[in-house]
Amino acid sequence: MAYLKTAGKAVISIGLLSYLVYISDPRKILQVFSNISTAKGIFFLIMAVLLGIVSILLMSIRWRIILNHYNNSFTLKRLFGFYLIGLFFNNFLPTSIGGDMVRIYKVVGESNDRTAGFASVIIERVLGIVATLFLAITSLYYVSHYFKTDRILYTSVSLLLIIISFFILITRQRPFEFLLRVFDKFTIFKIGEKINKLMEAIHILKEKRRIFIWMFVLSVLSQVAIVFMNYAVVIALDIKVDLIYLFLVVPITFLLTMLPSINGVGIRDGGFIFLLGKVGIPGAAAISLSFMNVILPMFISLWGGILFFVQKKKSKPVEVQIEKTHI
């Protein structure tokens, strides 16, 4: 059943992407990409890569702060490596959270603390969404005149308020105990049990609420770095779009990747074409920028792949040595 579901997502994603490429004209897309071959294009492409790395570094710092408050000490270098490995596996796993599962596995494997490993990554993911919504709402204030409806704004504000309310309730004793009793009733597939474990892990941090402020700030900064990465790509591709508008496009397209698809393929591209089309950007230019949001992380993640295989090779002699001692 799971394979059929994945296959269905793949068909939809590939079909939608193929259609978008067709209507955008492949020749025009290649023409946009040819702008990178100039000295200016290469310079700003390198800047985009560096900004992508800065974003990952900021997220690693955020992750380290969370783990430290669960009494799990990891070096920043180690967690940065885990992030790169997770990013690498995102290229092959069928969902955008596949890399998160790899990161959880790496932390649990070294700390033997399943609660901290699971909760730290989930909290990170949620705070990333909060920061994304915050940027989208802020930018909508300045670019709302491009849209005939306020539906995007209302939806973003509603989601942000729901997430913030959830965190506030969990850190309060009485609402927390009430939610535990509610989710205890969801016994199918142990859904309630898993949600309660997550809430308990977050509740542990109730006396350290300042940590949420720091994590939110780091989340916003990492998202800002991604927006500037896109702006560097825009300059490299010679696309005429304002930076302030990218503060709307990048967060919204990121949220779209969470819809049922294969790592956002097709869905993200459609988002770029729709939103950039509002400011007169041709489909070929929009989909080229969307492609670069896949190509650049994939390029950066190659270091994660190398790191993963190096670590794997280093671990083999240790495993053999342990087996010999048992003999």
C-alpha atoms as a PDB file:
ATOM      1  CA  MET A   1       0.000   0.000   0.000  1.00  0.00           C
ATOM      2  CA  ALA A   2       2.847   2.380   0.887  1.00  0.00           C
ATOM      3  CA  TYR A   3       4.537   1.650  -2.454  1.00  0.00           C
ATOM      4  CA  LEU A   4       1.333   2.470  -4.335  1.00  0.00           C
ATOM      5  CA  LYS A   5       1.006   5.739  -2.431  1.00  0.00           C
ATOM      6  CA  THR A   6       4.590   6.689  -3.243  1.00  0.00           C
ATOM      7  CA  ALA A   7       4.124   5.680  -6.881  1.00  0.00           C
ATOM      8  CA  GLY A   8       0.981   7.838  -7.059  1.00  0.00           C
ATOM      9  CA  LYS A   9       2.871  10.837  -5.678  1.00  0.00           C
ATOM     10  CA  ALA A  10       5.672  10.238  -8.182  1.00  0.00           C
ATOM     11  CA  VAL A  11       3.268  10.158 -11.122  1.00  0.00           C
ATOM     12  CA  ILE A  12       1.599  13.397  -9.992  1.00  0.00           C
ATOM     13  CA  SER A  13       4.914  15.170  -9.312  1.00  0.00           C
ATOM     14  CA  ILE A  14       6.602  14.115 -12.551  1.00  0.00           C
ATOM     15  CA  GLY A  15       3.458  14.758 -14.590  1.00  0.00           C
ATOM     16  CA  LEU A  16       3.010  18.249 -13.155  1.00  0.00           C
ATOM     17  CA  LEU A  17       6.698  19.074 -13.599  1.00  0.00           C
ATOM     18  CA  SER A  18       6.680  17.866 -17.209  1.00  0.00           C
ATOM     19  CA  TYR A  19       3.644  20.000 -17.962  1.00  0.00           C
ATOM     20  CA  LEU A  20       5.202  23.108 -16.364  1.00  0.00           C
ATOM     21  CA  VAL A  21       8.451  22.620 -18.303  1.00  0.00           C
ATOM     22  CA  TYR A  22       6.467  22.180 -21.528  1.00  0.00           C
ATOM     23  CA  ILE A  23       4.418  25.373 -21.131  1.00  0.00           C
ATOM     24  CA  SER A  24       7.531  27.315 -20.038  1.00  0.00           C
ATOM     25  CA  ASP A  25       9.406  26.239 -23.202  1.00  0.00           C
ATOM     26  CA  PRO A  26      12.581  24.164 -22.563  1.00  0.00           C
ATOM     27  CA  ARG A  27      14.599  26.327 -24.969  1.00  0.00           C
ATOM     28  CA  LYS A  28      13.806  29.464 -22.972  1.00  0.00           C
ATOM     29  CA  ILE A  29      14.730  27.664 -19.743  1.00  0.00           C
ATOM     30  CA  LEU A  30      18.148  26.756 -21.183  1.00  0.00           C
ATOM     31  CA  GLN A  31      18.550  30.361 -22.315  1.00  0.00           C
ATOM     32  CA  VAL A  32      17.989  31.569 -18.739  1.00  0.00           C
ATOM     33  CA  PHE A  33      20.531  29.070 -17.406  1.00  0.00           C
ATOM     34  CA  SER A  34      23.099  30.259 -19.969  1.00  0.00           C
ATOM     35  CA  ASN A  35      23.390  33.540 -18.013  1.00  0.00           C
ATOM     36  CA  ILE A  36      25.309  31.664 -15.317  1.00  0.00           C
ATOM     37  CA  SER A  37      28.244  31.200 -17.734  1.00  0.00           C
ATOM     38  CA  THR A  38      29.203  34.888 -17.407  1.00  0.00           C
ATOM     39  CA  ALA A  39      31.731  36.080 -14.801  1.00  0.00           C
ATOM     40  CA  LYS A  40      28.915  37.838 -12.935  1.00  0.00           C
ATOM     41  CA  GLY A  41      26.783  34.711 -13.014  1.00  0.00           C
ATOM     42  CA  ILE A  42      29.557  32.488 -11.653  1.00  0.00           C
ATOM     43  CA  PHE A  43      30.388  34.961  -8.854  1.00  0.00           C
ATOM     44  CA  PHE A  44      26.799  35.194  -7.612  1.00  0.00           C
ATOM     45  CA  LEU A  45      26.336  31.433  -7.975  1.00  0.00           C
ATOM     46  CA  ILE A  46      29.282  30.927  -5.593  1.00  0.00           C
ATOM     47  CA  MET A  47      27.699  33.478  -3.246  1.00  0.00           C
ATOM     48  CA  ALA A  48      24.463  31.480  -3.363  1.00  0.00           C
ATOM     49  CA  VAL A  49      26.300  28.287  -2.371  1.00  0.00           C
ATOM     50  CA  LEU A  50      28.004  30.070   0.541  1.00  0.00           C
ATOM     51  CA  LEU A  51      24.678  31.490   1.744  1.00  0.00           C
ATOM     52  CA  GLY A  52      23.168  27.999   1.574  1.00  0.00           C
ATOM     53  CA  ILE A  53      25.990  26.737   3.797  1.00  0.00           C
ATOM     54  CA  VAL A  54      25.440  29.641   6.220  1.00  0.00           C
ATOM     55  CA  SER A  55      21.777  28.659   6.487  1.00  0.00           C
ATOM     56  CA  ILE A  56      22.710  25.069   7.375  1.00  0.00           C
ATOM     57  CA  LEU A  57      25.238  26.331   9.934  1.00  0.00           C
ATOM     58  CA  LEU A  58      22.585  28.478  11.637  1.00  0.00           C
ATOM     59  CA  MET A  59      20.202  25.508  11.775  1.00  0.00           C
ATOM     60  CA  SER A  60      22.995  23.389  13.280  1.00  0.00           C
ATOM     61  CA  ILE A  61      23.530  25.987  16.019  1.00  0.00           C
ATOM     62  CA  ARG A  62      19.779  25.914  16.709  1.00  0.00           C
ATOM     63  CA  TRP A  63      19.824  22.125  16.919  1.00  0.00           C
ATOM     64  CA  ARG A  64      22.803  22.182  19.300  1.00  0.00           C
ATOM     65  CA  ILE A  65      21.013  24.576  21.668  1.00  0.00           C
ATOM     66  CA  ILE A  66      18.028  22.234  21.849  1.00  0.00           C
ATOM     67  CA  LEU A  67      20.138  19.118  22.453  1.00  0.00           C
ATOM     68  CA  ASN A  68      22.200  20.870  25.147  1.00  0.00           C
ATOM     69  CA  HIS A  69      18.996  21.521  27.088  1.00  0.00           C
ATOM     70  CA  TYR A  70      18.288  17.785  26.935  1.00  0.00           C
ATOM     71  CA  ASN A  71      21.747  17.222  28.462  1.00  0.00           C
ATOM     72  CA  ASN A  72      23.146  15.865  25.199  1.00  0.00           C
ATOM     73  CA  SER A  73      26.435  17.478  24.294  1.00  0.00           C
ATOM     74  CA  PHE A  74      27.328  17.458  20.596  1.00  0.00           C
ATOM     75  CA  THR A  75      29.934  19.622  18.919  1.00  0.00           C
ATOM     76  CA  LEU A  76      28.714  22.080  16.305  1.00  0.00           C
ATOM     77  CA  LYS A  77      30.973  20.400  13.763  1.00  0.00           C
ATOM     78  CA  ARG A  78      29.312  17.038  14.433  1.00  0.00           C
ATOM     79  CA  LEU A  79      25.776  18.368  14.090  1.00  0.00           C
ATOM     80  CA  PHE A  80      26.705  20.330  10.957  1.00  0.00           C
ATOM     81  CA  GLY A  81      27.894  17.021   9.513  1.00  0.00           C
ATOM     82  CA  PHE A  82      24.619  15.326  10.494  1.00  0.00           C
ATOM     83  CA  TYR A  83      22.710  18.113   8.742  1.00  0.00           C
ATOM     84  CA  LEU A  84      24.699  17.611   5.545  1.00  0.00           C
ATOM     85  CA  ILE A  85      24.094  13.853   5.703  1.00  0.00           C
ATOM     86  CA  GLY A  86      20.367  14.415   6.208  1.00  0.00           C
ATOM     87  CA  LEU A  87      20.344  16.817   3.264  1.00  0.00           C
ATOM     88  CA  PHE A  88      22.118  14.180   1.170  1.00  0.00           C
ATOM     89  CA  PHE A  89      19.468  11.555   1.927  1.00  0.00           C
ATOM     90  CA  ASN A  90      16.720  14.033   1.066  1.00  0.00           C
ATOM     91  CA  ASN A  91      17.832  13.573  -2.544  1.00  0.00           C
ATOM     92  CA  PHE A  92      16.798   9.907  -2.507  1.00  0.00           C
ATOM     93  CA  LEU A  93      14.053   9.486   0.087  1.00  0.00           C
ATOM     94  CA  PRO A  94      10.467  10.028  -1.113  1.00  0.00           C
ATOM     95  CA  THR A  95       9.551  12.838   1.311  1.00  0.00           C
ATOM     96  CA  SER A  96      11.152  16.112   2.367  1.00  0.00           C
ATOM     97  CA  ILE A  97      11.341  14.869   5.982  1.00  0.00           C
ATOM     98  CA  GLY A  98      13.398  11.802   5.057  1.00  0.00           C
ATOM     99  CA  GLY A  99      16.577  13.645   5.972  1.00  0.00           C
ATOM    100  CA  ASP A 100      15.089  14.464   9.385  1.00  0.00           C
ATOM    101  CA  MET A 101      14.677  10.755  10.097  1.00  0.00           C
ATOM    102  CA  VAL A 102      18.338  10.193   9.220  1.00  0.00           C
ATOM    103  CA  ARG A 103      19.352  12.990  11.623  1.00  0.00           C
ATOM    104  CA  ILE A 104      17.239  11.440  14.381  1.00  0.00           C
ATOM    105  CA  TYR A 105      18.926   8.088  13.717  1.00  0.00           C
ATOM    106  CA  LYS A 106      22.404   9.653  13.953  1.00  0.00           C
ATOM    107  CA  VAL A 107      21.682  11.428  17.255  1.00  0.00           C
ATOM    108  CA  VAL A 108      20.004   8.418  18.850  1.00  0.00           C
ATOM    109  CA  GLY A 109      22.847   6.185  17.702  1.00  0.00           C
ATOM    110  CA  GLU A 110      25.426   8.318  19.521  1.00  0.00           C
ATOM    111  CA  SER A 111      23.429   9.363  22.580  1.00  0.00           C
ATOM    112  CA  ASN A 112      21.017   6.424  23.148  1.00  0.00           C
ATOM    113  CA  ASP A 113      18.418   9.077  23.959  1.00  0.00           C
ATOM    114  CA  ARG A 114      15.430   8.499  21.690  1.00  0.00           C
ATOM    115  CA  THR A 115      13.293  11.198  23.262  1.00  0.00           C
ATOM    116  CA  ALA A 116      15.920  13.929  22.797  1.00  0.00           C
ATOM    117  CA  GLY A 117      16.777  12.759  19.287  1.00  0.00           C
ATOM    118  CA  PHE A 118      13.181  12.699  18.128  1.00  0.00           C
ATOM    119  CA  ALA A 119      11.961  15.792  19.982  1.00  0.00           C
ATOM    120  CA  SER A 120      14.916  18.010  19.058  1.00  0.00           C
ATOM    121  CA  VAL A 121      14.449  17.414  15.324  1.00  0.00           C
ATOM    122  CA  ILE A 122      10.651  17.801  15.459  1.00  0.00           C
ATOM    123  CA  ILE A 123      10.892  21.017  17.506  1.00  0.00           C
ATOM    124  CA  GLU A 124      13.417  22.260  14.981  1.00  0.00           C
ATOM    125  CA  ARG A 125      11.113  21.465  12.083  1.00  0.00           C
ATOM    126  CA  VAL A 126       8.139  23.193  13.756  1.00  0.00           C
ATOM    127  CA  LEU A 127      10.150  26.313  14.609  1.00  0.00           C
ATOM    128  CA  GLY A 128      11.384  26.395  11.034  1.00  0.00           C
ATOM    129  CA  ILE A 129       7.753  26.472   9.867  1.00  0.00           C
ATOM    130  CA  VAL A 130       6.963  29.248  12.370  1.00  0.00           C
ATOM    131  CA  ALA A 131       9.889  31.329  11.077  1.00  0.00           C
ATOM    132  CA  THR A 132       8.806  30.682   7.484  1.00  0.00           C
ATOM    133  CA  LEU A 133       5.256  31.816   8.205  1.00  0.00           C
ATOM    134  CA  PHE A 134       6.577  34.884  10.032  1.00  0.00           C
ATOM    135  CA  LEU A 135       8.635  35.948   7.001  1.00  0.00           C
ATOM    136  CA  ALA A 136       5.730  35.265   4.636  1.00  0.00           C
ATOM    137  CA  ILE A 137       3.314  37.347   6.736  1.00  0.00           C
ATOM    138  CA  THR A 138       5.827  40.197   7.079  1.00  0.00           C
ATOM    139  CA  SER A 139       6.491  40.308   3.337  1.00  0.00           C
ATOM    140  CA  LEU A 140       2.763  40.109   2.519  1.00  0.00           C
ATOM    141  CA  TYR A 141       2.306  43.413   4.305  1.00  0.00           C
ATOM    142  CA  TYR A 142       4.517  45.059   1.673  1.00  0.00           C
ATOM    143  CA  VAL A 143       3.505  43.116  -1.455  1.00  0.00           C
ATOM    144  CA  SER A 144      -0.212  42.472  -0.826  1.00  0.00           C
ATOM    145  CA  HIS A 145      -1.127  44.835  -3.682  1.00  0.00           C
ATOM    146  CA  TYR A 146      -0.055  42.132  -6.149  1.00  0.00           C
ATOM    147  CA  PHE A 147      -2.921  39.897  -5.003  1.00  0.00           C
ATOM    148  CA  LYS A 148      -6.660  40.394  -5.382  1.00  0.00           C
ATOM    149  CA  THR A 149      -7.406  38.285  -2.317  1.00  0.00           C
ATOM    150  CA  ASP A 150      -6.130  38.216   1.271  1.00  0.00           C
ATOM    151  CA  ARG A 151      -6.596  34.439   1.505  1.00  0.00           C
ATOM    152  CA  ILE A 152      -2.840  33.726   1.606  1.00  0.00           C
ATOM    153  CA  LEU A 153      -2.372  36.256   4.393  1.00  0.00           C
ATOM    154  CA  TYR A 154      -5.273  34.921   6.464  1.00  0.00           C
ATOM    155  CA  THR A 155      -4.115  31.315   6.012  1.00  0.00           C
ATOM    156  CA  SER A 156      -0.536  32.147   7.022  1.00  0.00           C
ATOM    157  CA  VAL A 157      -1.634  34.114  10.094  1.00  0.00           C
ATOM    158  CA  SER A 158      -4.027  31.321  11.155  1.00  0.00           C
ATOM    159  CA  LEU A 159      -1.334  28.637  10.891  1.00  0.00           C
ATOM    160  CA  LEU A 160       1.158  30.772  12.792  1.00  0.00           C
ATOM    161  CA  LEU A 161      -1.316  31.431  15.619  1.00  0.00           C
ATOM    162  CA  ILE A 162      -2.252  27.732  15.851  1.00  0.00           C
ATOM    163  CA  ILE A 163       1.397  26.663  16.196  1.00  0.00           C
ATOM    164  CA  ILE A 164       2.226  29.382  18.741  1.00  0.00           C
ATOM    165  CA  SER A 165      -0.900  28.519  20.764  1.00  0.00           C
ATOM    166  CA  PHE A 166       0.083  24.843  20.733  1.00  0.00           C
ATOM    167  CA  PHE A 167       3.524  25.640  22.170  1.00  0.00           C
ATOM    168  CA  ILE A 168       2.039  27.921  24.840  1.00  0.00           C
ATOM    169  CA  LEU A 169      -0.499  25.287  25.913  1.00  0.00           C
ATOM    170  CA  ILE A 170       2.153  22.571  26.180  1.00  0.00           C
ATOM    171  CA  THR A 171       4.332  24.699  28.475  1.00  0.00           C
ATOM    172  CA  ARG A 172       1.377  25.313  30.837  1.00  0.00           C
ATOM    173  CA  GLN A 173       0.748  22.562  33.382  1.00  0.00           C
ATOM    174  CA  ARG A 174      -3.055  22.259  33.303  1.00  0.00           C
ATOM    175  CA  PRO A 175      -3.508  22.500  29.508  1.00  0.00           C
ATOM    176  CA  PHE A 176      -0.609  20.075  29.126  1.00  0.00           C
ATOM    177  CA  GLU A 177      -2.232  17.480  31.418  1.00  0.00           C
ATOM    178  CA  PHE A 178      -5.559  17.941  29.602  1.00  0.00           C
ATOM    179  CA  LEU A 179      -3.952  17.374  26.187  1.00  0.00           C
ATOM    180  CA  LEU A 180      -2.229  14.245  27.490  1.00  0.00           C
ATOM    181  CA  ARG A 181      -5.585  12.789  28.523  1.00  0.00           C
ATOM    182  CA  VAL A 182      -7.119  13.707  25.164  1.00  0.00           C
ATOM    183  CA  PHE A 183      -4.409  12.062  23.077  1.00  0.00           C
ATOM    184  CA  ASP A 184      -4.359   8.990  25.337  1.00  0.00           C
ATOM    185  CA  LYS A 185      -7.651   8.077  23.672  1.00  0.00           C
ATOM    186  CA  PHE A 186      -6.034   7.873  20.219  1.00  0.00           C
ATOM    187  CA  THR A 187      -4.817   4.289  20.426  1.00  0.00           C
ATOM    188  CA  ILE A 188      -4.826   3.405  16.706  1.00  0.00           C
ATOM    189  CA  PHE A 189      -1.253   2.935  15.425  1.00  0.00           C
ATOM    190  CA  LYS A 190      -0.157   4.356  18.816  1.00  0.00           C
ATOM    191  CA  ILE A 191      -0.661   7.871  17.416  1.00  0.00           C
ATOM    192  CA  GLY A 192      -1.697   9.295  20.780  1.00  0.00           C
ATOM    193  CA  GLU A 193       1.278   7.738  22.540  1.00  0.00           C
ATOM    194  CA  LYS A 194       3.724   9.238  20.023  1.00  0.00           C
ATOM    195  CA  ILE A 195       2.146  12.702  20.244  1.00  0.00           C
ATOM    196  CA  ASN A 196       2.236  12.570  24.043  1.00  0.00           C
ATOM    197  CA  LYS A 197       5.929  11.661  24.030  1.00  0.00           C
ATOM    198  CA  LEU A 198       6.616  14.661  21.826  1.00  0.00           C
ATOM    199  CA  MET A 199       4.564  16.964  24.065  1.00  0.00           C
ATOM    200  CA  GLU A 200       6.346  15.641  27.148  1.00  0.00           C
ATOM    201  CA  ALA A 201       9.704  16.356  25.516  1.00  0.00           C
ATOM    202  CA  ILE A 202       8.643  19.931  24.771  1.00  0.00           C
ATOM    203  CA  HIS A 203       7.109  20.330  28.254  1.00  0.00           C
ATOM    204  CA  ILE A 204      10.521  19.582  29.790  1.00  0.00           C
ATOM    205  CA  LEU A 205      11.661  22.932  28.419  1.00  0.00           C
ATOM    206  CA  LYS A 206       8.821  24.853  30.130  1.00  0.00           C
ATOM    207  CA  GLU A 207      11.200  26.448  32.649  1.00  0.00           C
ATOM    208  CA  LYS A 208      13.536  27.526  29.870  1.00  0.00           C
ATOM    209  CA  ARG A 209      11.174  29.510  27.683  1.00  0.00           C
ATOM    210  CA  ARG A 210      13.955  31.863  26.664  1.00  0.00           C
ATOM    211  CA  ILE A 211      15.373  29.011  24.617  1.00  0.00           C
ATOM    212  CA  PHE A 212      12.371  29.244  22.277  1.00  0.00           C
ATOM    213  CA  ILE A 213      13.177  32.897  21.590  1.00  0.00           C
ATOM    214  CA  TRP A 214      16.772  32.079  20.651  1.00  0.00           C
ATOM    215  CA  MET A 215      15.672  29.164  18.484  1.00  0.00           C
ATOM    216  CA  PHE A 216      13.085  31.352  16.760  1.00  0.00           C
ATOM    217  CA  VAL A 217      15.702  34.039  16.045  1.00  0.00           C
ATOM    218  CA  LEU A 218      18.077  31.450  14.587  1.00  0.00           C
ATOM    219  CA  SER A 219      15.213  29.983  12.552  1.00  0.00           C
ATOM    220  CA  VAL A 220      14.395  33.398  11.085  1.00  0.00           C
ATOM    221  CA  LEU A 221      18.065  34.092  10.322  1.00  0.00           C
ATOM    222  CA  SER A 222      18.455  30.736   8.554  1.00  0.00           C
ATOM    223  CA  GLN A 223      15.371  31.458   6.439  1.00  0.00           C
ATOM    224  CA  VAL A 224      16.707  34.942   5.654  1.00  0.00           C
ATOM    225  CA  ALA A 225      19.948  33.327   4.461  1.00  0.00           C
ATOM    226  CA  ILE A 226      17.912  31.092   2.126  1.00  0.00           C
ATOM    227  CA  VAL A 227      16.065  34.127   0.747  1.00  0.00           C
ATOM    228  CA  PHE A 228      19.397  35.882   0.082  1.00  0.00           C
ATOM    229  CA  MET A 229      20.651  32.666  -1.524  1.00  0.00           C
ATOM    230  CA  ASN A 230      17.711  32.910  -3.918  1.00  0.00           C
ATOM    231  CA  TYR A 231      18.454  36.587  -4.524  1.00  0.00           C
ATOM    232  CA  ALA A 232      22.030  35.703  -5.474  1.00  0.00           C
ATOM    233  CA  VAL A 233      20.638  33.082  -7.885  1.00  0.00           C
ATOM    234  CA  VAL A 234      18.228  35.669  -9.307  1.00  0.00           C
ATOM    235  CA  ILE A 235      21.171  37.954 -10.091  1.00  0.00           C
ATOM    236  CA  ALA A 236      23.184  35.042 -11.536  1.00  0.00           C
ATOM    237  CA  LEU A 237      20.287  34.117 -13.831  1.00  0.00           C
ATOM    238  CA  ASP A 238      19.638  37.793 -14.652  1.00  0.00           C
ATOM    239  CA  ILE A 239      16.014  37.663 -13.451  1.00  0.00           C
ATOM    240  CA  LYS A 240      14.462  41.016 -12.567  1.00  0.00           C
ATOM    241  CA  VAL A 241      12.671  40.580  -9.248  1.00  0.00           C
ATOM    242  CA  ASP A 242      12.848  42.627  -6.032  1.00  0.00           C
ATOM    243  CA  LEU A 243      14.427  41.183  -2.908  1.00  0.00           C
ATOM    244  CA  ILE A 244      11.382  42.079  -0.803  1.00  0.00           C
ATOM    245  CA  TYR A 245       9.156  39.979  -3.067  1.00  0.00           C
ATOM    246  CA  LEU A 246      11.449  36.977  -2.629  1.00  0.00           C
ATOM    247  CA  PHE A 247      10.727  37.181   1.104  1.00  0.00           C
ATOM    248  CA  LEU A 248       7.220  36.070   0.126  1.00  0.00           C
ATOM    249  CA  VAL A 249       8.017  33.655  -2.706  1.00  0.00           C
ATOM    250  CA  VAL A 250      10.681  31.582  -0.929  1.00  0.00           C
ATOM    251  CA  PRO A 251       8.734  30.916   2.318  1.00  0.00           C
ATOM    252  CA  ILE A 252       5.471  30.152   0.502  1.00  0.00           C
ATOM    253  CA  THR A 253       7.102  27.731  -1.949  1.00  0.00           C
ATOM    254  CA  PHE A 254       8.864  26.049   0.978  1.00  0.00           C
ATOM    255  CA  LEU A 255       5.516  25.459   2.683  1.00  0.00           C
ATOM    256  CA  LEU A 256       4.109  24.077  -0.579  1.00  0.00           C
ATOM    257  CA  THR A 257       6.746  21.326  -0.569  1.00  0.00           C
ATOM    258  CA  MET A 258       4.974  19.842   2.469  1.00  0.00           C
ATOM    259  CA  LEU A 259       1.972  18.961   0.319  1.00  0.00           C
ATOM    260  CA  PRO A 260       1.727  15.350  -0.948  1.00  0.00           C
ATOM    261  CA  SER A 261       4.455  15.017  -3.587  1.00  0.00           C
ATOM    262  CA  ILE A 262       7.969  13.640  -4.102  1.00  0.00           C
ATOM    263  CA  ASN A 263      10.100  16.198  -2.264  1.00  0.00           C
ATOM    264  CA  GLY A 264       7.917  19.003  -3.567  1.00  0.00           C
ATOM    265  CA  VAL A 265       8.670  18.257  -7.227  1.00  0.00           C
ATOM    266  CA  GLY A 266       6.072  19.942  -9.424  1.00  0.00           C
ATOM    267  CA  ILE A 267       4.322  21.593  -6.458  1.00  0.00           C
ATOM    268  CA  ARG A 268       7.255  23.896  -5.704  1.00  0.00           C
ATOM    269  CA  ASP A 269       7.771  24.694  -9.386  1.00  0.00           C
ATOM    270  CA  GLY A 270       4.103  25.595  -9.801  1.00  0.00           C
ATOM    271  CA  GLY A 271       4.369  27.884  -6.770  1.00  0.00           C
ATOM    272  CA  PHE A 272       7.346  29.735  -8.252  1.00  0.00           C
ATOM    273  CA  ILE A 273       5.588  30.156 -11.609  1.00  0.00           C
ATOM    274  CA  PHE A 274       2.358  31.393 -10.000  1.00  0.00           C
ATOM    275  CA  LEU A 275       3.919  33.817  -7.502  1.00  0.00           C
ATOM    276  CA  LEU A 276       6.609  35.225  -9.802  1.00  0.00           C
ATOM    277  CA  GLY A 277       4.038  35.493 -12.585  1.00  0.00           C
ATOM    278  CA  LYS A 278       2.247  38.069 -10.416  1.00  0.00           C
ATOM    279  CA  VAL A 279       5.180  40.450 -10.954  1.00  0.00           C
ATOM    280  CA  GLY A 280       5.596  39.689 -14.645  1.00  0.00           C
ATOM    281  CA  ILE A 281       8.373  37.093 -14.456  1.00  0.00           C
ATOM    282  CA  PRO A 282       8.138  34.612 -17.393  1.00  0.00           C
ATOM    283  CA  GLY A 283       7.522  30.945 -16.630  1.00  0.00           C
ATOM    284  CA  ALA A 284      10.956  29.930 -17.970  1.00  0.00           C
ATOM    285  CA  ALA A 285      12.719  32.256 -15.519  1.00  0.00           C
ATOM    286  CA  ALA A 286      10.491  31.208 -12.605  1.00  0.00           C
ATOM    287  CA  ILE A 287      10.983  27.484 -13.138  1.00  0.00           C
ATOM    288  CA  SER A 288      14.742  28.035 -13.586  1.00  0.00           C
ATOM    289  CA  LEU A 289      14.871  29.626 -10.127  1.00  0.00           C
ATOM    290  CA  SER A 290      12.825  26.719  -8.779  1.00  0.00           C
ATOM    291  CA  PHE A 291      15.280  24.227 -10.287  1.00  0.00           C
ATOM    292  CA  MET A 292      18.179  26.037  -8.617  1.00  0.00           C
ATOM    293  CA  ASN A 293      16.449  25.514  -5.258  1.00  0.00           C
ATOM    294  CA  VAL A 294      16.937  21.797  -5.909  1.00  0.00           C
ATOM    295  CA  ILE A 295      20.333  21.890  -7.616  1.00  0.00           C
ATOM    296  CA  LEU A 296      22.147  24.010  -5.014  1.00  0.00           C
ATOM    297  CA  PRO A 297      21.088  21.983  -1.939  1.00  0.00           C
ATOM    298  CA  MET A 298      21.899  18.836  -3.908  1.00  0.00           C
ATOM    299  CA  PHE A 299      25.393  20.163  -4.669  1.00  0.00           C
ATOM    300  CA  ILE A 300      25.978  21.177  -1.023  1.00  0.00           C
ATOM    301  CA  SER A 301      24.656  17.794   0.145  1.00  0.00           C
ATOM    302  CA  LEU A 302      27.363  15.941  -1.814  1.00  0.00           C
ATOM    303  CA  TRP A 303      29.678  16.730   1.090  1.00  0.00           C
ATOM    304  CA  GLY A 304      27.170  15.004   3.343  1.00  0.00           C
ATOM    305  CA  GLY A 305      27.301  11.916   1.120  1.00  0.00           C
ATOM    306  CA  ILE A 306      31.088  11.839   1.286  1.00  0.00           C
ATOM    307  CA  LEU A 307      30.973  12.313   5.070  1.00  0.00           C
ATOM    308  CA  PHE A 308      28.435   9.495   5.464  1.00  0.00           C
ATOM    309  CA  PHE A 309      30.555   6.970   3.559  1.00  0.00           C
ATOM    310  CA  VAL A 310      33.739   8.062   5.369  1.00  0.00           C
ATOM    311  CA  GLN A 311      32.034   7.576   8.747  1.00  0.00           C
ATOM    312  CA  LYS A 312      30.695   4.212   7.616  1.00  0.00           C
ATOM    313  CA  LYS A 313      34.161   3.002   6.646  1.00  0.00           C
ATOM    314  CA  LYS A 314      35.623   4.201   9.936  1.00  0.00           C
ATOM    315  CA  SER A 315      32.953   2.345  11.924  1.00  0.00           C
ATOM    316  CA  LYS A 316      33.624  -1.046  10.288  1.00  0.00           C
ATOM    317  CA  PRO A 317      36.976  -1.804  11.969  1.00  0.00           C
ATOM    318  CA  VAL A 318      35.405  -0.972  15.344  1.00  0.00           C
ATOM    319  CA  GLU A 319      32.555  -3.421  14.724  1.00  0.00           C
ATOM    320  CA  VAL A 320      35.030  -6.165  13.766  1.00  0.00           C
ATOM    321  CA  GLN A 321      37.079  -5.533  16.884  1.00  0.00           C
ATOM    322  CA  ILE A 322      34.021  -5.839  19.109  1.00  0.00           C
ATOM    323  CA  GLU A 323      33.036  -9.124  17.459  1.00  0.00           C
ATOM    324  CA  LYS A 324      36.558 -10.541  18.080  1.00  0.00           C
ATOM    325  CA  THR A 325      36.418  -9.713  21.763  1.00  0.00           C
ATOM    326  CA  HIS A 326      33.214 -11.761  22.083  1.00  0.00           C
ATOM    327  CA  ILE A 327      34.893 -14.719  20.387  1.00  0.00           C
END
